[in-house]
PDB file of N, CA and C in Angstrom:
ATOM      1  N   THR A   1       6.821   5.981  -5.704  1.00  0.00           N
ATOM      2  CA  THR A   1       6.816   4.641  -6.015  1.00  0.00           C
ATOM      3  C   THR A   1       6.299   3.730  -4.935  1.00  0.00           C
ATOM      4  N   ALA A   2       6.226   4.294  -3.681  1.00  0.00           N
ATOM      5  CA  ALA A   2       5.757   3.445  -2.542  1.00  0.00           C
ATOM      6  C   ALA A   2       4.336   2.885  -2.818  1.00  0.00           C
ATOM      7  N   PHE A   3       3.468   3.543  -3.585  1.00  0.00           N
ATOM      8  CA  PHE A   3       2.174   3.131  -3.643  1.00  0.00           C
ATOM      9  C   PHE A   3       1.967   2.155  -4.857  1.00  0.00           C
ATOM     10  N   LEU A   4       3.022   1.604  -5.456  1.00  0.00           N
ATOM     11  CA  LEU A   4       2.837   0.814  -6.712  1.00  0.00           C
ATOM     12  C   LEU A   4       2.672  -0.698  -6.243  1.00  0.00           C
ATOM     13  N   HIS A   5       2.799  -1.026  -4.934  1.00  0.00           N
ATOM     14  CA  HIS A   5       2.790  -2.402  -4.491  1.00  0.00           C
ATOM     15  C   HIS A   5       1.576  -2.842  -3.700  1.00  0.00           C
ATOM     16  N   GLY A   6       0.630  -1.919  -3.573  1.00  0.00           N
ATOM     17  CA  GLY A   6      -0.517  -2.191  -2.729  1.00  0.00           C
ATOM     18  C   GLY A   6      -1.440  -3.150  -3.409  1.00  0.00           C
ATOM     19  N   ASP A   7      -2.060  -4.127  -2.810  1.00  0.00           N
ATOM     20  CA  ASP A   7      -2.985  -4.969  -3.360  1.00  0.00           C
ATOM     21  C   ASP A   7      -4.368  -4.456  -3.247  1.00  0.00           C
ATOM     22  N   LEU A   8      -5.123  -4.554  -4.290  1.00  0.00           N
ATOM     23  CA  LEU A   8      -6.501  -4.130  -4.329  1.00  0.00           C
ATOM     24  C   LEU A   8      -7.502  -5.129  -3.848  1.00  0.00           C
ATOM     25  N   LYS A   9      -8.468  -4.597  -3.033  1.00  0.00           N
ATOM     26  CA  LYS A   9      -9.557  -5.462  -2.515  1.00  0.00           C
ATOM     27  C   LYS A   9     -10.759  -5.446  -3.670  1.00  0.00           C
ATOM     28  N   GLU A  10     -10.870  -4.253  -4.255  1.00  0.00           N
ATOM     29  CA  GLU A  10     -11.954  -4.027  -5.267  1.00  0.00           C
ATOM     30  C   GLU A  10     -11.461  -4.342  -6.498  1.00  0.00           C
ATOM     31  N   GLU A  11     -12.482  -4.675  -7.482  1.00  0.00           N
ATOM     32  CA  GLU A  11     -12.131  -4.726  -8.881  1.00  0.00           C
ATOM     33  C   GLU A  11     -12.237  -3.393  -9.466  1.00  0.00           C
ATOM     34  N   ILE A  12     -11.170  -2.920  -9.960  1.00  0.00           N
ATOM     35  CA  ILE A  12     -11.123  -1.546 -10.581  1.00  0.00           C
ATOM     36  C   ILE A  12     -10.579  -1.722 -12.127  1.00  0.00           C
ATOM     37  N   TYR A  13     -11.463  -1.064 -12.927  1.00  0.00           N
ATOM     38  CA  TYR A  13     -11.143  -1.069 -14.373  1.00  0.00           C
ATOM     39  C   TYR A  13     -10.774   0.324 -14.786  1.00  0.00           C
ATOM     40  N   MET A  14     -10.025   0.374 -15.885  1.00  0.00           N
ATOM     41  CA  MET A  14      -9.571   1.726 -16.499  1.00  0.00           C
ATOM     42  C   MET A  14      -9.458   1.580 -17.992  1.00  0.00           C
ATOM     43  N   ALA A  15      -9.593   2.719 -18.613  1.00  0.00           N
ATOM     44  CA  ALA A  15      -9.386   2.855 -20.039  1.00  0.00           C
ATOM     45  C   ALA A  15      -7.890   2.445 -20.278  1.00  0.00           C
ATOM     46  N   GLN A  16      -7.721   2.041 -21.505  1.00  0.00           N
ATOM     47  CA  GLN A  16      -6.285   1.562 -21.815  1.00  0.00           C
ATOM     48  C   GLN A  16      -5.477   2.884 -21.844  1.00  0.00           C
ATOM     49  N   PRO A  17      -4.190   2.945 -21.281  1.00  0.00           N
ATOM     50  CA  PRO A  17      -3.458   4.069 -21.272  1.00  0.00           C
ATOM     51  C   PRO A  17      -3.116   4.611 -22.732  1.00  0.00           C
ATOM     52  N   GLU A  18      -3.155   5.844 -22.821  1.00  0.00           N
ATOM     53  CA  GLU A  18      -2.657   6.492 -24.097  1.00  0.00           C
ATOM     54  C   GLU A  18      -1.322   5.938 -24.452  1.00  0.00           C
ATOM     55  N   GLY A  19      -1.184   5.513 -25.749  1.00  0.00           N
ATOM     56  CA  GLY A  19       0.034   4.964 -26.266  1.00  0.00           C
ATOM     57  C   GLY A  19       0.198   3.539 -26.077  1.00  0.00           C
ATOM     58  N   PHE A  20      -0.691   2.811 -25.243  1.00  0.00           N
ATOM     59  CA  PHE A  20      -0.632   1.479 -25.042  1.00  0.00           C
ATOM     60  C   PHE A  20      -1.993   0.816 -25.517  1.00  0.00           C
ATOM     61  N   GLU A  21      -2.737   1.375 -26.299  1.00  0.00           N
ATOM     62  CA  GLU A  21      -3.907   0.819 -26.769  1.00  0.00           C
ATOM     63  C   GLU A  21      -3.646  -0.339 -27.680  1.00  0.00           C
ATOM     64  N   VAL A  22      -4.480  -1.285 -27.587  1.00  0.00           N
ATOM     65  CA  VAL A  22      -4.265  -2.548 -28.450  1.00  0.00           C
ATOM     66  C   VAL A  22      -5.150  -2.194 -29.771  1.00  0.00           C
ATOM     67  N   LYS A  23      -4.422  -2.284 -30.960  1.00  0.00           N
ATOM     68  CA  LYS A  23      -5.111  -2.007 -32.156  1.00  0.00           C
ATOM     69  C   LYS A  23      -6.255  -2.979 -32.390  1.00  0.00           C
ATOM     70  N   GLY A  24      -7.402  -2.287 -32.749  1.00  0.00           N
ATOM     71  CA  GLY A  24      -8.570  -3.114 -33.076  1.00  0.00           C
ATOM     72  C   GLY A  24      -9.456  -3.378 -31.830  1.00  0.00           C
ATOM     73  N   LYS A  25      -8.882  -3.097 -30.593  1.00  0.00           N
ATOM     74  CA  LYS A  25      -9.540  -3.245 -29.389  1.00  0.00           C
ATOM     75  C   LYS A  25      -9.596  -2.048 -28.488  1.00  0.00           C
ATOM     76  N   GLU A  26      -9.551  -0.850 -29.100  1.00  0.00           N
ATOM     77  CA  GLU A  26      -9.533   0.320 -28.272  1.00  0.00           C
ATOM     78  C   GLU A  26     -10.590   0.623 -27.408  1.00  0.00           C
ATOM     79  N   ASN A  27     -11.723  -0.092 -27.655  1.00  0.00           N
ATOM     80  CA  ASN A  27     -12.931   0.078 -26.819  1.00  0.00           C
ATOM     81  C   ASN A  27     -12.907  -0.806 -25.518  1.00  0.00           C
ATOM     82  N   LEU A  28     -11.953  -1.672 -25.431  1.00  0.00           N
ATOM     83  CA  LEU A  28     -11.788  -2.539 -24.279  1.00  0.00           C
ATOM     84  C   LEU A  28     -11.083  -1.810 -23.067  1.00  0.00           C
ATOM     85  N   VAL A  29     -11.285  -2.299 -21.916  1.00  0.00           N
ATOM     86  CA  VAL A  29     -10.766  -1.633 -20.707  1.00  0.00           C
ATOM     87  C   VAL A  29      -9.704  -2.638 -20.065  1.00  0.00           C
ATOM     88  N   CYS A  30      -8.989  -2.115 -19.073  1.00  0.00           N
ATOM     89  CA  CYS A  30      -7.893  -2.964 -18.293  1.00  0.00           C
ATOM     90  C   CYS A  30      -8.343  -3.081 -16.947  1.00  0.00           C
ATOM     91  N   ARG A  31      -8.211  -4.253 -16.384  1.00  0.00           N
ATOM     92  CA  ARG A  31      -8.384  -4.443 -14.931  1.00  0.00           C
ATOM     93  C   ARG A  31      -7.044  -4.343 -14.214  1.00  0.00           C
ATOM     94  N   LEU A  32      -7.169  -3.426 -13.161  1.00  0.00           N
ATOM     95  CA  LEU A  32      -6.001  -3.151 -12.367  1.00  0.00           C
ATOM     96  C   LEU A  32      -5.773  -4.368 -11.317  1.00  0.00           C
ATOM     97  N   LYS A  33      -4.555  -4.889 -11.330  1.00  0.00           N
ATOM     98  CA  LYS A  33      -4.231  -5.941 -10.228  1.00  0.00           C
ATOM     99  C   LYS A  33      -3.462  -5.358  -9.192  1.00  0.00           C
ATOM    100  N   LYS A  34      -2.750  -4.170  -9.256  1.00  0.00           N
ATOM    101  CA  LYS A  34      -2.096  -3.515  -8.260  1.00  0.00           C
ATOM    102  C   LYS A  34      -2.477  -2.077  -8.258  1.00  0.00           C
ATOM    103  N   SER A  35      -2.317  -1.403  -7.139  1.00  0.00           N
ATOM    104  CA  SER A  35      -2.682   0.013  -7.135  1.00  0.00           C
ATOM    105  C   SER A  35      -1.632   0.898  -7.926  1.00  0.00           C
ATOM    106  N   LEU A  36      -2.279   2.004  -8.421  1.00  0.00           N
ATOM    107  CA  LEU A  36      -1.384   2.977  -9.190  1.00  0.00           C
ATOM    108  C   LEU A  36      -1.302   4.221  -8.412  1.00  0.00           C
ATOM    109  N   TYR A  37      -0.046   4.987  -8.476  1.00  0.00           N
ATOM    110  CA  TYR A  37      -0.011   6.244  -7.856  1.00  0.00           C
ATOM    111  C   TYR A  37      -1.073   7.136  -8.390  1.00  0.00           C
ATOM    112  N   GLY A  38      -1.730   7.859  -7.518  1.00  0.00           N
ATOM    113  CA  GLY A  38      -2.788   8.772  -7.959  1.00  0.00           C
ATOM    114  C   GLY A  38      -4.272   8.085  -7.767  1.00  0.00           C
ATOM    115  N   LEU A  39      -4.267   6.756  -7.677  1.00  0.00           N
ATOM    116  CA  LEU A  39      -5.532   6.060  -7.384  1.00  0.00           C
ATOM    117  C   LEU A  39      -5.885   6.449  -5.886  1.00  0.00           C
ATOM    118  N   LYS A  40      -7.161   6.799  -5.787  1.00  0.00           N
ATOM    119  CA  LYS A  40      -7.645   7.164  -4.451  1.00  0.00           C
ATOM    120  C   LYS A  40      -7.315   6.082  -3.460  1.00  0.00           C
ATOM    121  N   GLN A  41      -7.416   4.840  -3.708  1.00  0.00           N
ATOM    122  CA  GLN A  41      -7.294   3.718  -2.734  1.00  0.00           C
ATOM    123  C   GLN A  41      -5.776   3.479  -2.558  1.00  0.00           C
ATOM    124  N   ALA A  42      -4.899   3.961  -3.375  1.00  0.00           N
ATOM    125  CA  ALA A  42      -3.463   3.522  -3.263  1.00  0.00           C
ATOM    126  C   ALA A  42      -2.737   3.682  -1.863  1.00  0.00           C
ATOM    127  N   PRO A  43      -2.912   4.905  -1.241  1.00  0.00           N
ATOM    128  CA  PRO A  43      -2.321   5.100   0.021  1.00  0.00           C
ATOM    129  C   PRO A  43      -2.798   4.055   1.141  1.00  0.00           C
ATOM    130  N   ARG A  44      -4.017   3.868   1.108  1.00  0.00           N
ATOM    131  CA  ARG A  44      -4.684   3.012   2.162  1.00  0.00           C
ATOM    132  C   ARG A  44      -4.287   1.538   1.876  1.00  0.00           C
ATOM    133  N   GLN A  45      -4.280   1.061   0.614  1.00  0.00           N
ATOM    134  CA  GLN A  45      -3.904  -0.153   0.288  1.00  0.00           C
ATOM    135  C   GLN A  45      -2.251  -0.473   0.654  1.00  0.00           C
ATOM    136  N   TRP A  46      -1.551   0.553   0.303  1.00  0.00           N
ATOM    137  CA  TRP A  46      -0.123   0.386   0.678  1.00  0.00           C
ATOM    138  C   TRP A  46       0.201   0.274   2.227  1.00  0.00           C
ATOM    139  N   TYR A  47      -0.686   1.119   2.939  1.00  0.00           N
ATOM    140  CA  TYR A  47      -0.486   1.152   4.418  1.00  0.00           C
ATOM    141  C   TYR A  47      -0.891  -0.219   4.946  1.00  0.00           C
ATOM    142  N   GLU A  48      -2.062  -0.792   4.518  1.00  0.00           N
ATOM    143  CA  GLU A  48      -2.496  -2.151   4.933  1.00  0.00           C
ATOM    144  C   GLU A  48      -1.568  -3.194   4.730  1.00  0.00           C
ATOM    145  N   LYS A  49      -0.728  -3.221   3.585  1.00  0.00           N
ATOM    146  CA  LYS A  49       0.131  -4.216   3.232  1.00  0.00           C
ATOM    147  C   LYS A  49       1.390  -4.017   4.187  1.00  0.00           C
ATOM    148  N   PHE A  50       1.855  -2.735   4.478  1.00  0.00           N
ATOM    149  CA  PHE A  50       3.022  -2.489   5.251  1.00  0.00           C
ATOM    150  C   PHE A  50       2.605  -2.810   6.664  1.00  0.00           C
ATOM    151  N   ASP A  51       1.503  -2.588   7.181  1.00  0.00           N
ATOM    152  CA  ASP A  51       0.959  -2.982   8.498  1.00  0.00           C
ATOM    153  C   ASP A  51       1.016  -4.449   8.658  1.00  0.00           C
ATOM    154  N   SER A  52       0.444  -5.141   7.804  1.00  0.00           N
ATOM    155  CA  SER A  52       0.448  -6.562   7.839  1.00  0.00           C
ATOM    156  C   SER A  52       1.918  -7.174   7.919  1.00  0.00           C
ATOM    157  N   PHE A  53       2.806  -6.533   7.210  1.00  0.00           N
ATOM    158  CA  PHE A  53       4.147  -7.053   7.276  1.00  0.00           C
ATOM    159  C   PHE A  53       4.687  -6.797   8.696  1.00  0.00           C
ATOM    160  N   MET A  54       4.488  -5.624   9.173  1.00  0.00           N
ATOM    161  CA  MET A  54       5.145  -5.259  10.490  1.00  0.00           C
ATOM    162  C   MET A  54       4.415  -6.102  11.650  1.00  0.00           C
ATOM    163  N   VAL A  55       3.162  -6.347  11.640  1.00  0.00           N
ATOM    164  CA  VAL A  55       2.570  -7.038  12.642  1.00  0.00           C
ATOM    165  C   VAL A  55       3.063  -8.590  12.530  1.00  0.00           C
ATOM    166  N   GLY A  56       3.391  -9.042  11.379  1.00  0.00           N
ATOM    167  CA  GLY A  56       3.785 -10.349  11.064  1.00  0.00           C
ATOM    168  C   GLY A  56       5.162 -10.648  11.618  1.00  0.00           C
ATOM    169  N   HIS A  57       5.910  -9.431  11.674  1.00  0.00           N
ATOM    170  CA  HIS A  57       7.292  -9.466  12.251  1.00  0.00           C
ATOM    171  C   HIS A  57       7.332  -8.991  13.743  1.00  0.00           C
ATOM    172  N   GLU A  58       6.202  -9.180  14.443  1.00  0.00           N
ATOM    173  CA  GLU A  58       6.140  -8.984  15.940  1.00  0.00           C
ATOM    174  C   GLU A  58       6.278  -7.516  16.331  1.00  0.00           C
ATOM    175  N   TYR A  59       6.018  -6.733  15.474  1.00  0.00           N
ATOM    176  CA  TYR A  59       5.888  -5.321  15.861  1.00  0.00           C
ATOM    177  C   TYR A  59       4.514  -4.937  16.281  1.00  0.00           C
ATOM    178  N   LYS A  60       4.276  -4.078  17.352  1.00  0.00           N
ATOM    179  CA  LYS A  60       2.969  -3.669  17.706  1.00  0.00           C
ATOM    180  C   LYS A  60       2.798  -2.224  17.291  1.00  0.00           C
ATOM    181  N   ARG A  61       1.565  -1.985  16.816  1.00  0.00           N
ATOM    182  CA  ARG A  61       1.144  -0.596  16.585  1.00  0.00           C
ATOM    183  C   ARG A  61       0.883   0.199  17.889  1.00  0.00           C
ATOM    184  N   THR A  62       1.225   1.404  18.078  1.00  0.00           N
ATOM    185  CA  THR A  62       0.930   2.081  19.340  1.00  0.00           C
ATOM    186  C   THR A  62      -0.520   2.544  19.131  1.00  0.00           C
ATOM    187  N   ALA A  63      -1.178   2.766  20.317  1.00  0.00           N
ATOM    188  CA  ALA A  63      -2.575   3.132  20.342  1.00  0.00           C
ATOM    189  C   ALA A  63      -2.644   4.617  19.978  1.00  0.00           C
ATOM    190  N   ALA A  64      -1.565   5.404  20.456  1.00  0.00           N
ATOM    191  CA  ALA A  64      -1.542   6.927  20.205  1.00  0.00           C
ATOM    192  C   ALA A  64      -1.308   7.207  18.694  1.00  0.00           C
ATOM    193  N   ASP A  65      -0.594   6.502  17.943  1.00  0.00           N
ATOM    194  CA  ASP A  65      -0.350   6.837  16.527  1.00  0.00           C
ATOM    195  C   ASP A  65      -0.135   5.533  15.805  1.00  0.00           C
ATOM    196  N   HIS A  66      -0.949   5.365  14.728  1.00  0.00           N
ATOM    197  CA  HIS A  66      -0.915   4.048  13.964  1.00  0.00           C
ATOM    198  C   HIS A  66       0.324   4.111  13.123  1.00  0.00           C
ATOM    199  N   CYS A  67       1.131   5.003  13.025  1.00  0.00           N
ATOM    200  CA  CYS A  67       2.360   5.086  12.254  1.00  0.00           C
ATOM    201  C   CYS A  67       3.531   4.822  13.078  1.00  0.00           C
ATOM    202  N   VAL A  68       3.395   4.486  14.359  1.00  0.00           N
ATOM    203  CA  VAL A  68       4.519   4.268  15.239  1.00  0.00           C
ATOM    204  C   VAL A  68       4.358   2.654  15.586  1.00  0.00           C
ATOM    205  N   TYR A  69       5.462   2.090  15.481  1.00  0.00           N
ATOM    206  CA  TYR A  69       5.535   0.473  15.640  1.00  0.00           C
ATOM    207  C   TYR A  69       6.630   0.350  16.748  1.00  0.00           C
ATOM    208  N   VAL A  70       6.411  -0.531  17.543  1.00  0.00           N
ATOM    209  CA  VAL A  70       7.366  -0.881  18.742  1.00  0.00           C
ATOM    210  C   VAL A  70       7.536  -2.565  18.722  1.00  0.00           C
ATOM    211  N   ARG A  71       8.868  -2.752  18.876  1.00  0.00           N
ATOM    212  CA  ARG A  71       9.064  -4.203  19.048  1.00  0.00           C
ATOM    213  C   ARG A  71      10.062  -4.441  20.229  1.00  0.00           C
ATOM    214  N   LYS A  72       9.610  -5.207  21.245  1.00  0.00           N
ATOM    215  CA  LYS A  72      10.436  -5.393  22.406  1.00  0.00           C
ATOM    216  C   LYS A  72      11.056  -6.741  22.443  1.00  0.00           C
ATOM    217  N   PHE A  73      12.267  -6.772  22.860  1.00  0.00           N
ATOM    218  CA  PHE A  73      12.936  -8.085  22.950  1.00  0.00           C
ATOM    219  C   PHE A  73      13.101  -8.549  24.354  1.00  0.00           C
ATOM    220  N   PRO A  74      13.327  -9.921  24.533  1.00  0.00           N
ATOM    221  CA  PRO A  74      13.510 -10.503  25.962  1.00  0.00           C
ATOM    222  C   PRO A  74      14.569  -9.840  26.770  1.00  0.00           C
ATOM    223  N   ASP A  75      15.715  -9.335  26.139  1.00  0.00           N
ATOM    224  CA  ASP A  75      16.779  -8.832  26.870  1.00  0.00           C
ATOM    225  C   ASP A  75      16.603  -7.454  27.306  1.00  0.00           C
ATOM    226  N   GLY A  76      15.371  -6.819  27.008  1.00  0.00           N
ATOM    227  CA  GLY A  76      15.051  -5.513  27.347  1.00  0.00           C
ATOM    228  C   GLY A  76      15.287  -4.440  26.245  1.00  0.00           C
ATOM    229  N   ASN A  77      15.859  -4.747  25.288  1.00  0.00           N
ATOM    230  CA  ASN A  77      16.094  -3.797  24.087  1.00  0.00           C
ATOM    231  C   ASN A  77      14.717  -3.740  23.478  1.00  0.00           C
ATOM    232  N   PHE A  78      14.644  -2.605  22.663  1.00  0.00           N
ATOM    233  CA  PHE A  78      13.442  -2.506  21.797  1.00  0.00           C
ATOM    234  C   PHE A  78      13.853  -1.645  20.623  1.00  0.00           C
ATOM    235  N   ILE A  79      12.863  -1.747  19.619  1.00  0.00           N
ATOM    236  CA  ILE A  79      13.004  -0.856  18.419  1.00  0.00           C
ATOM    237  C   ILE A  79      11.681  -0.110  18.261  1.00  0.00           C
ATOM    238  N   ILE A  80      11.899   1.178  18.015  1.00  0.00           N
ATOM    239  CA  ILE A  80      10.779   2.062  17.712  1.00  0.00           C
ATOM    240  C   ILE A  80      10.825   2.445  16.287  1.00  0.00           C
ATOM    241  N   LEU A  81       9.898   2.184  15.459  1.00  0.00           N
ATOM    242  CA  LEU A  81       9.954   2.541  14.037  1.00  0.00           C
ATOM    243  C   LEU A  81       8.793   3.565  13.839  1.00  0.00           C
ATOM    244  N   LEU A  82       9.097   4.693  13.283  1.00  0.00           N
ATOM    245  CA  LEU A  82       8.158   5.681  12.950  1.00  0.00           C
ATOM    246  C   LEU A  82       8.044   5.779  11.372  1.00  0.00           C
ATOM    247  N   LEU A  83       6.849   5.618  10.965  1.00  0.00           N
ATOM    248  CA  LEU A  83       6.488   5.610   9.535  1.00  0.00           C
ATOM    249  C   LEU A  83       6.137   6.954   9.000  1.00  0.00           C
ATOM    250  N   TYR A  84       6.750   7.457   7.992  1.00  0.00           N
ATOM    251  CA  TYR A  84       6.266   8.762   7.469  1.00  0.00           C
ATOM    252  C   TYR A  84       6.405   8.578   5.898  1.00  0.00           C
ATOM    253  N   VAL A  85       5.201   8.757   5.231  1.00  0.00           N
ATOM    254  CA  VAL A  85       5.314   8.766   3.798  1.00  0.00           C
ATOM    255  C   VAL A  85       4.312  10.064   3.490  1.00  0.00           C
ATOM    256  N   ASP A  86       4.919  10.902   2.630  1.00  0.00           N
ATOM    257  CA  ASP A  86       4.139  12.139   2.245  1.00  0.00           C
ATOM    258  C   ASP A  86       2.950  11.705   1.593  1.00  0.00           C
ATOM    259  N   ASP A  87       1.809  12.276   1.791  1.00  0.00           N
ATOM    260  CA  ASP A  87       0.421  12.035   1.214  1.00  0.00           C
ATOM    261  C   ASP A  87       0.043  10.678   1.475  1.00  0.00           C
ATOM    262  N   MET A  88       0.386  10.058   2.595  1.00  0.00           N
ATOM    263  CA  MET A  88       0.033   8.632   2.871  1.00  0.00           C
ATOM    264  C   MET A  88      -1.488   8.380   3.076  1.00  0.00           C
ATOM    265  N   LEU A  89      -2.007   9.107   4.127  1.00  0.00           N
ATOM    266  CA  LEU A  89      -3.514   8.886   4.331  1.00  0.00           C
ATOM    267  C   LEU A  89      -4.054  10.248   4.157  1.00  0.00           C
TER     268      LEU A  89
END
């Protein structure tokens, strides 16, 4: 379900899903507004949305691993967040 919230940059169209066809309009297609699980672009779109959120909340991506984020606080404390999603990239 992690990949269901990625925004798409490209226009992607698909056939109407089986069981959800509109009667009399079976030859029409649907435009995707969000990524679907199984879509080739889904992992990348999800990661870009996640990365944008983390950077917006003052986390820095490490140069060594783009799935490790660090946030340092003025009092010397810090948070290290390691992101792992199976089949992510």
